[in-house]
């Protein structure tokens, strides 16, 4: 099965909403972590979203089958949010557990 790591970046106050959507639809563990962006955030942001100093936000990760990725992205896109969410998809070549 082809798996992907989906990572969503959002404002911290909306992290629980995004994480709950992903957990409910995927049935997979969802990891949420705080992160800080230093310097200018992405150039495609509108003027009010551009950051010149630091930006606190959350990163939410979930590993899912590739076939489920678009469904999850669409669910986050259509969810109740007040702020933009960025996402990226990365192929998972291997994974496991070391005890």
Protein backbone atom coordinates (compact mmCIF):
# COMPACT_ATOMS: atom_id res chain seq x y z
CA UNK A 1 0.00 0.00 0.00
CA UNK A 2 1.34 3.45 -0.90
CA UNK A 3 1.34 5.70 2.16
CA UNK A 4 1.83 9.43 2.46
CA UNK A 5 2.57 11.79 5.32
CA UNK A 6 0.16 14.72 5.26
CA UNK A 7 1.30 17.78 7.17
CA UNK A 8 -1.05 20.70 7.77
CA UNK A 9 0.20 24.05 9.12
CA UNK A 10 -2.35 26.30 10.82
CA UNK A 11 -2.78 28.88 13.56
CA UNK A 12 -2.47 27.27 16.97
CA UNK A 13 -6.05 27.98 18.04
CA UNK A 14 -7.41 25.96 15.11
CA UNK A 15 -5.07 22.96 15.54
CA UNK A 16 -7.55 20.91 17.57
CA UNK A 17 -10.26 21.38 14.94
CA UNK A 18 -7.98 20.26 12.12
CA UNK A 19 -6.57 17.36 14.16
CA UNK A 20 -10.03 16.11 15.14
CA UNK A 21 -11.16 16.19 11.51
CA UNK A 22 -8.12 14.16 10.44
CA UNK A 23 -8.44 11.65 13.28
CA UNK A 24 -12.17 11.12 12.73
CA UNK A 25 -11.91 10.59 8.97
CA UNK A 26 -8.62 8.67 8.83
CA UNK A 27 -8.85 6.54 11.96
CA UNK A 28 -5.09 7.03 12.29
CA UNK A 29 -3.00 8.61 15.07
CA UNK A 30 -2.53 12.33 14.54
CA UNK A 31 0.48 14.21 15.89
CA UNK A 32 0.27 17.92 16.70
CA UNK A 33 3.31 20.02 17.49
CA UNK A 34 3.98 23.69 18.02
CA UNK A 35 6.36 25.34 15.59
CA UNK A 36 7.79 28.77 15.02
CA UNK A 37 8.42 30.31 11.61
CA UNK A 38 11.29 32.79 11.61
CA UNK A 39 11.47 35.41 8.91
CA UNK A 40 9.07 35.92 6.08
CA UNK A 41 6.31 33.36 5.66
CA UNK A 42 5.37 32.13 2.20
CA UNK A 43 5.29 34.63 -0.65
CA UNK A 44 1.81 33.59 -1.77
CA UNK A 45 0.30 34.93 1.48
CA UNK A 46 -1.69 38.13 1.17
CA UNK A 47 -0.25 41.28 2.73
CA UNK A 48 -2.03 40.82 6.08
CA UNK A 49 -0.68 37.26 6.37
CA UNK A 50 2.94 37.98 5.55
CA UNK A 51 5.23 37.70 8.55
CA UNK A 52 8.46 39.61 8.87
CA UNK A 53 9.42 38.47 12.40
CA UNK A 54 8.25 35.22 13.96
CA UNK A 55 4.99 33.32 13.64
CA UNK A 56 3.70 30.73 16.10
CA UNK A 57 1.67 28.00 14.47
CA UNK A 58 0.89 24.29 14.71
CA UNK A 59 1.93 21.42 12.47
CA UNK A 60 -0.39 18.42 12.29
CA UNK A 61 0.87 15.12 10.85
CA UNK A 62 -1.00 11.98 9.82
CA UNK A 63 0.14 8.99 7.76
CA UNK A 64 -2.58 7.62 5.49
CA UNK A 65 -2.99 5.60 2.31
CA UNK A 66 -2.37 7.76 -0.77
CA UNK A 67 -5.92 7.07 -1.92
CA UNK A 68 -7.32 8.83 1.16
CA UNK A 69 -5.19 11.99 0.95
CA UNK A 70 -7.45 14.11 -1.27
CA UNK A 71 -10.47 13.31 0.91
CA UNK A 72 -8.66 14.56 4.00
CA UNK A 73 -7.38 17.70 2.29
CA UNK A 74 -10.91 18.47 1.07
CA UNK A 75 -12.34 17.91 4.55
CA UNK A 76 -9.88 20.37 6.10
CA UNK A 77 -10.55 22.84 3.29
CA UNK A 78 -14.31 22.70 3.84
CA UNK A 79 -14.13 22.74 7.66
CA UNK A 80 -14.93 25.69 9.87
CA UNK A 81 -11.82 27.83 10.02
CA UNK A 82 -11.10 31.52 10.23
CA UNK A 83 -7.53 31.32 8.90
CA UNK A 84 -5.68 29.71 5.99
CA UNK A 85 -4.17 26.25 6.32
CA UNK A 86 -1.12 25.14 4.38
CA UNK A 87 -0.51 21.50 3.61
CA UNK A 88 2.08 19.25 2.06
CA UNK A 89 2.16 15.59 1.11
CA UNK A 90 5.29 13.45 1.35
CA UNK A 91 5.68 9.84 0.23
CA UNK A 92 6.45 7.40 3.04
CA UNK A 93 9.12 5.03 1.76
CA UNK A 94 9.33 2.99 4.94
CA UNK A 95 8.31 3.12 8.56
CA UNK A 96 8.32 0.92 11.61
CA UNK A 97 8.60 0.70 15.37
CA UNK A 98 11.78 0.11 17.34
CA UNK A 99 11.15 -1.30 20.81
